[in-house]
Amino acid sequence: MIRYKRPAFSATEEIFVNKFIRPLGTKTDKFGNLMKSIGDHPNTLWSCHTDTVHWTEGLQKVIHNDDTVALPESSHSNCLGADCTAGVWLMTEMIKAKVPGLYVFHRDEENGGGGSMHIASKTPDLLKDIDAAIAFDRFGTKSVITHQFGRCCSDDFADSLCEQLPGSEKDDSGLFTDTANYVDHVSECTNISVGYAGHHSHKEVQNLKFLNDLKNRMIKLDTSKLRFSRDLKDTGYPRYKPQFAASRFDDWVSKTRTLEDLIRANPGAVADLFEMYGLTAGDLEEHIHGSH
């Protein structure tokens, strides 16, 4: 998963979605968000997003050992993309383990939450039975976010979640992820650490051991022990409320791009791909001169 560079609504994001998410039986809304419900009337929404902040699309080389994955120093990529590939992987594993909940793989989060804004403004009935929206999109290894530009979950709820996630602690320094757009509809909205650091940068690294341990804890999590107490009016202070057109997915679908268009727009990505398959500058030069 981590090899795929996925700007919002890029061809590579769609390839990624088709390979890793749609085979799990998800449904797609008009914006492009992918969803799957497990259990009878689940009251927990699990959240991640399928886009990354890569400047170009395509495949990238990564280096890894048993504990971490990162970019090689020679990489042309501007970031690893653990934000939010870690969350996507975690949710696919939870689906395979049949953990109850409403799973939402949001589109367009990195541009400010277009996918979640679409749900909150256009299809809010999707949220009517949801008591908690939990995102897997926070850096570090300790945070259970209580504020995203304002209060998004109660301390009581955060404490009840920390009780089942050893080493976690309440954190009021959150900024934004998709669950922030649900605070008018869902009592408890949070974001929890998934083990990456240096996000949105070439130095980004993912702690694989932490992520795997978190997976095991989420599979065993008892949501009946979570406590829901935030009043929907309790946001503390004005929060970030972006406005987005819901047509970007349709705009992307309607575009026809040739291979040459993609190569011209993403030369670094093409260089990475060639290198990944063992092709050198000499091989390419020989092919170019040999074709004339």
Protein backbone atom coordinates (compact mmCIF):
# COMPACT_ATOMS: atom_id res chain seq x y z
CA MET A 1 0.00 0.00 0.00
CA ILE A 2 2.69 2.49 0.98
CA ARG A 3 4.23 2.46 -2.51
CA TYR A 4 1.21 4.23 -4.03
CA LYS A 5 1.44 8.04 -4.30
CA ARG A 6 -2.15 9.25 -4.26
CA PRO A 7 -3.02 12.92 -4.75
CA ALA A 8 -6.78 13.35 -4.41
CA PHE A 9 -8.71 11.91 -7.36
CA SER A 10 -5.55 10.88 -9.19
CA ALA A 11 -5.39 7.79 -11.37
CA THR A 12 -3.05 6.17 -8.84
CA GLU A 13 -5.55 6.73 -6.04
CA GLU A 14 -8.21 5.01 -8.11
CA ILE A 15 -5.89 2.07 -8.82
CA PHE A 16 -5.17 1.85 -5.09
CA VAL A 17 -8.87 1.93 -4.18
CA ASN A 18 -9.69 -0.75 -6.76
CA LYS A 19 -6.93 -3.02 -5.51
CA PHE A 20 -7.18 -2.70 -1.73
CA ILE A 21 -10.63 -1.35 -0.76
CA ARG A 22 -13.37 -2.20 -3.26
CA PRO A 23 -12.68 -5.98 -3.04
CA LEU A 24 -13.80 -5.75 0.63
CA GLY A 25 -17.38 -5.10 -0.53
CA THR A 26 -17.58 -1.36 -0.03
CA LYS A 27 -20.19 0.95 -1.53
CA THR A 28 -19.36 4.32 -3.08
CA ASP A 29 -21.32 7.56 -2.63
CA LYS A 30 -21.65 10.40 -5.13
CA PHE A 31 -18.47 12.10 -3.93
CA GLY A 32 -16.39 8.94 -4.11
CA ASN A 33 -16.27 8.03 -0.40
CA LEU A 34 -16.16 4.27 0.14
CA MET A 35 -18.19 2.71 2.95
CA LYS A 36 -18.92 -0.63 4.52
CA SER A 37 -21.16 -1.44 7.48
CA ILE A 38 -20.54 -4.45 9.72
CA GLY A 39 -23.03 -5.50 12.40
CA ASP A 40 -26.62 -4.52 13.15
CA HIS A 41 -27.03 -0.73 13.44
CA PRO A 42 -23.41 0.00 14.44
CA ASN A 43 -22.93 3.10 16.57
CA THR A 44 -19.21 3.58 15.84
CA LEU A 45 -17.81 5.13 12.67
CA TRP A 46 -14.22 4.25 11.75
CA SER A 47 -12.51 6.89 9.61
CA CYS A 48 -9.49 7.21 7.33
CA HIS A 49 -8.77 8.83 3.96
CA THR A 50 -7.49 7.43 0.69
CA ASP A 51 -5.53 10.46 -0.59
CA THR A 52 -2.00 11.52 0.34
CA VAL A 53 -0.11 14.82 0.05
CA HIS A 54 2.20 13.58 -2.67
CA TRP A 55 2.94 16.21 -5.31
CA THR A 56 2.98 13.58 -8.06
CA GLU A 57 1.23 10.26 -8.52
CA GLY A 58 2.59 6.82 -9.38
CA LEU A 59 4.64 4.27 -7.45
CA GLN A 60 7.56 4.96 -5.11
CA LYS A 61 10.38 2.91 -3.67
CA VAL A 62 10.43 2.41 0.10
CA ILE A 63 12.88 0.84 2.51
CA HIS A 64 11.77 -1.15 5.53
CA ASN A 65 12.80 -3.50 8.28
CA ASP A 66 10.75 -5.32 10.91
CA ASP A 67 9.93 -2.10 12.76
CA THR A 68 9.84 0.84 10.32
CA VAL A 69 9.24 1.88 6.72
CA ALA A 70 10.60 5.07 5.14
CA LEU A 71 11.76 6.59 1.86
CA PRO A 72 15.29 6.02 0.56
CA GLU A 73 17.43 9.15 0.53
CA SER A 74 17.46 9.12 -3.29
CA SER A 75 13.65 9.16 -3.58
CA HIS A 76 11.96 11.89 -5.61
CA SER A 77 8.85 11.66 -3.40
CA ASN A 78 8.02 14.62 -1.17
CA CYS A 79 6.53 12.33 1.52
CA LEU A 80 6.08 8.68 2.45
CA GLY A 81 2.28 8.83 2.68
CA ALA A 82 1.86 6.96 5.96
CA ASP A 83 -0.72 9.72 6.48
CA CYS A 84 -3.16 8.10 5.86
CA THR A 85 -1.98 4.76 4.44
CA ALA A 86 -1.57 3.51 8.01
CA GLY A 87 -5.23 4.25 8.70
CA VAL A 88 -6.37 2.61 5.47
CA TRP A 89 -4.40 -0.55 6.22
CA LEU A 90 -5.70 -0.65 9.79
CA MET A 91 -9.32 -0.37 8.69
CA THR A 92 -8.95 -3.06 6.02
CA GLU A 93 -7.56 -5.39 8.70
CA MET A 94 -10.46 -4.57 11.03
CA ILE A 95 -12.93 -5.32 8.23
CA LYS A 96 -11.24 -8.68 7.59
CA ALA A 97 -11.57 -9.40 11.33
CA LYS A 98 -15.28 -8.43 11.13
CA VAL A 99 -15.03 -5.72 13.79
CA PRO A 100 -18.49 -4.05 13.94
CA GLY A 101 -18.80 -0.47 12.76
CA LEU A 102 -19.46 1.85 9.85
CA TYR A 103 -16.21 2.10 7.90
CA VAL A 104 -15.70 5.26 5.83
CA PHE A 105 -12.71 5.62 3.53
CA HIS A 106 -12.95 9.34 2.82
CA ARG A 107 -11.83 11.07 -0.35
CA ASP A 108 -10.12 14.46 -0.55
CA GLU A 109 -9.17 14.88 3.13
CA GLU A 110 -5.82 16.48 2.39
CA ASN A 111 -7.54 19.35 0.58
CA GLY A 112 -9.56 20.08 3.72
CA GLY A 113 -12.08 17.29 4.09
CA GLY A 114 -14.17 17.32 0.93
CA GLY A 115 -15.45 13.77 1.38
CA SER A 116 -16.55 14.19 4.98
CA MET A 117 -18.08 17.59 4.25
CA HIS A 118 -20.15 15.95 1.54
CA ILE A 119 -21.47 13.39 4.04
CA ALA A 120 -22.14 15.99 6.74
CA SER A 121 -23.95 18.37 4.39
CA LYS A 122 -25.53 16.10 1.77
CA THR A 123 -26.15 12.73 3.47
CA PRO A 124 -26.24 13.41 7.25
CA ASP A 125 -28.75 10.58 7.80
CA LEU A 126 -25.77 8.25 7.44
CA LEU A 127 -24.67 9.52 10.85
CA LYS A 128 -28.00 9.35 12.74
CA ASP A 129 -27.15 6.14 14.65
CA ILE A 130 -23.49 7.00 15.24
CA ASP A 131 -22.33 7.87 18.78
CA ALA A 132 -18.58 7.97 18.07
CA ALA A 133 -16.49 8.75 14.99
CA ILE A 134 -12.91 7.55 15.43
CA ALA A 135 -10.25 8.47 12.88
CA PHE A 136 -6.93 6.71 12.38
CA ASP A 137 -5.02 9.73 11.12
CA ARG A 138 -2.85 11.13 13.94
CA PHE A 139 0.92 11.15 14.13
CA GLY A 140 2.79 9.77 17.12
CA THR A 141 1.91 6.89 19.40
CA LYS A 142 -0.05 8.44 22.28
CA SER A 143 -2.79 10.81 21.15
CA VAL A 144 -6.52 10.51 21.63
CA ILE A 145 -7.59 13.88 20.27
CA THR A 146 -10.20 15.90 22.18
CA HIS A 147 -10.03 19.12 20.15
CA GLN A 148 -9.87 19.89 16.43
CA PHE A 149 -10.01 23.70 16.27
CA GLY A 150 -12.55 23.28 19.08
CA ARG A 151 -13.81 20.45 21.29
CA CYS A 152 -14.70 17.34 19.31
CA CYS A 153 -15.02 14.74 22.05
CA SER A 154 -15.54 14.72 25.79
CA ASP A 155 -12.76 13.98 28.25
CA ASP A 156 -14.94 11.17 29.56
CA PHE A 157 -15.03 9.51 26.15
CA ALA A 158 -11.31 10.03 25.62
CA ASP A 159 -10.59 8.48 29.02
CA SER A 160 -12.77 5.46 28.20
CA LEU A 161 -10.86 4.94 24.95
CA CYS A 162 -7.46 5.39 26.61
CA GLU A 163 -8.41 2.74 29.14
CA GLN A 164 -8.39 0.18 26.31
CA LEU A 165 -5.34 1.59 24.51
CA PRO A 166 -2.38 1.33 26.92
CA GLY A 167 0.06 4.20 26.54
CA SER A 168 -2.52 6.56 25.06
CA GLU A 169 -3.44 9.90 26.58
CA LYS A 170 -5.84 12.77 25.98
CA ASP A 171 -4.50 15.40 23.56
CA ASP A 172 -6.16 18.77 22.96
CA SER A 173 -3.73 19.90 20.23
CA GLY A 174 -5.50 18.37 17.24
CA LEU A 175 -5.97 20.35 14.03
CA PHE A 176 -8.15 18.66 11.45
CA THR A 177 -9.16 15.31 10.08
CA ASP A 178 -12.47 14.17 8.61
CA THR A 179 -14.17 13.49 11.95
CA ALA A 180 -14.05 17.24 12.70
CA ASN A 181 -16.74 17.70 10.06
CA TYR A 182 -19.10 15.44 12.05
CA VAL A 183 -19.18 17.31 15.37
CA ASP A 184 -22.67 18.71 14.64
CA HIS A 185 -24.02 15.20 14.11
CA VAL A 186 -21.98 12.81 16.27
CA SER A 187 -21.44 13.12 20.03
CA GLU A 188 -17.85 11.91 20.19
CA CYS A 189 -15.44 12.66 17.33
CA THR A 190 -11.74 11.92 17.72
CA ASN A 191 -8.48 11.04 16.01
CA ILE A 192 -5.96 8.57 17.39
CA SER A 193 -2.24 8.03 16.81
CA VAL A 194 -1.23 5.35 14.32
CA GLY A 195 2.55 5.54 14.70
CA TYR A 196 3.94 7.76 11.97
CA ALA A 197 6.27 10.74 12.38
CA GLY A 198 7.53 13.51 10.11
CA HIS A 199 4.29 13.54 8.14
CA HIS A 200 3.99 15.60 4.97
CA SER A 201 7.77 15.47 4.53
CA HIS A 202 10.53 13.45 2.87
CA LYS A 203 11.60 12.31 6.36
CA GLU A 204 8.24 10.70 7.15
CA VAL A 205 8.55 7.28 8.79
CA GLN A 206 6.01 4.69 9.92
CA ASN A 207 6.46 2.59 13.06
CA LEU A 208 5.24 -0.81 11.85
CA LYS A 209 5.41 -2.54 15.21
CA PHE A 210 3.21 0.09 16.82
CA LEU A 211 0.72 -0.10 13.96
CA ASN A 212 0.48 -3.88 14.18
CA ASP A 213 0.04 -3.71 17.96
CA LEU A 214 -2.70 -1.10 17.46
CA LYS A 215 -4.43 -3.40 15.00
CA ASN A 216 -4.55 -6.17 17.59
CA ARG A 217 -5.94 -3.77 20.20
CA MET A 218 -8.60 -2.39 17.85
CA ILE A 219 -9.75 -5.89 16.94
CA LYS A 220 -10.24 -6.60 20.66
CA LEU A 221 -11.69 -3.17 21.54
CA ASP A 222 -14.98 -3.37 23.44
CA THR A 223 -17.02 -0.41 22.19
CA SER A 224 -19.72 -1.14 24.79
CA LYS A 225 -17.27 0.24 27.39
CA LEU A 226 -16.94 3.61 25.64
CA ARG A 227 -18.72 6.50 27.33
CA PHE A 228 -20.62 9.08 25.27
CA SER A 229 -21.28 12.38 26.99
CA ARG A 230 -20.48 15.40 24.77
CA ASP A 231 -23.43 17.66 23.98
CA LEU A 232 -23.45 18.46 20.26
CA LYS A 233 -23.43 22.17 21.13
CA ASP A 234 -20.21 21.83 23.14
CA THR A 235 -17.48 22.81 20.69
CA GLY A 236 -15.65 25.25 22.96
CA TYR A 237 -14.76 27.80 20.31
CA PRO A 238 -15.23 28.25 16.52
CA ARG A 239 -13.73 25.43 14.53
CA TYR A 240 -12.46 25.14 11.01
CA LYS A 241 -15.42 24.67 8.65
CA PRO A 242 -14.19 24.31 5.06
CA GLN A 243 -16.60 24.50 2.16
CA PHE A 244 -16.13 22.27 -0.85
CA ALA A 245 -17.85 21.52 -4.12
CA ALA A 246 -19.02 17.93 -4.31
CA SER A 247 -18.20 17.63 -7.98
CA ARG A 248 -14.45 16.94 -7.92
CA PHE A 249 -14.91 13.17 -8.14
CA ASP A 250 -17.21 13.58 -11.13
CA ASP A 251 -14.72 16.00 -12.71
CA TRP A 252 -11.94 13.44 -12.30
CA VAL A 253 -14.04 10.62 -13.75
CA SER A 254 -14.89 12.72 -16.81
CA LYS A 255 -11.22 13.42 -17.68
CA THR A 256 -9.47 11.35 -20.32
CA ARG A 257 -5.68 11.34 -19.95
CA THR A 258 -3.16 9.61 -22.18
CA LEU A 259 0.01 7.89 -21.03
CA GLU A 260 2.04 10.75 -22.53
CA ASP A 261 -0.03 13.27 -20.51
CA LEU A 262 0.77 11.42 -17.29
CA ILE A 263 4.49 11.13 -18.11
CA ARG A 264 4.76 14.84 -18.91
CA ALA A 265 2.97 15.78 -15.66
CA ASN A 266 4.86 13.31 -13.44
CA PRO A 267 8.45 12.84 -14.66
CA GLY A 268 9.78 12.04 -11.19
CA ALA A 269 7.16 9.33 -10.69
CA VAL A 270 8.08 7.77 -14.04
CA ALA A 271 11.77 7.80 -13.08
CA ASP A 272 10.91 6.03 -9.81
CA LEU A 273 8.85 3.44 -11.68
CA PHE A 274 11.63 2.74 -14.19
CA GLU A 275 14.15 2.34 -11.39
CA MET A 276 11.78 0.03 -9.50
CA TYR A 277 11.68 -2.29 -12.50
CA GLY A 278 15.45 -2.22 -12.97
CA LEU A 279 15.61 0.16 -15.94
CA THR A 280 18.52 2.58 -16.11
CA ALA A 281 19.15 5.85 -17.92
CA GLY A 282 21.34 3.86 -20.31
CA ASP A 283 18.48 1.48 -21.08
CA LEU A 284 16.17 4.39 -21.87
CA GLU A 285 18.78 6.19 -23.99
CA GLU A 286 19.42 2.99 -25.95
CA HIS A 287 15.70 2.56 -26.57
CA ILE A 288 15.23 6.17 -27.66
CA HIS A 289 18.16 6.19 -30.07
CA GLY A 290 17.41 2.70 -31.24
CA SER A 291 13.86 3.65 -32.20
CA HIS A 292 15.04 6.26 -34.75
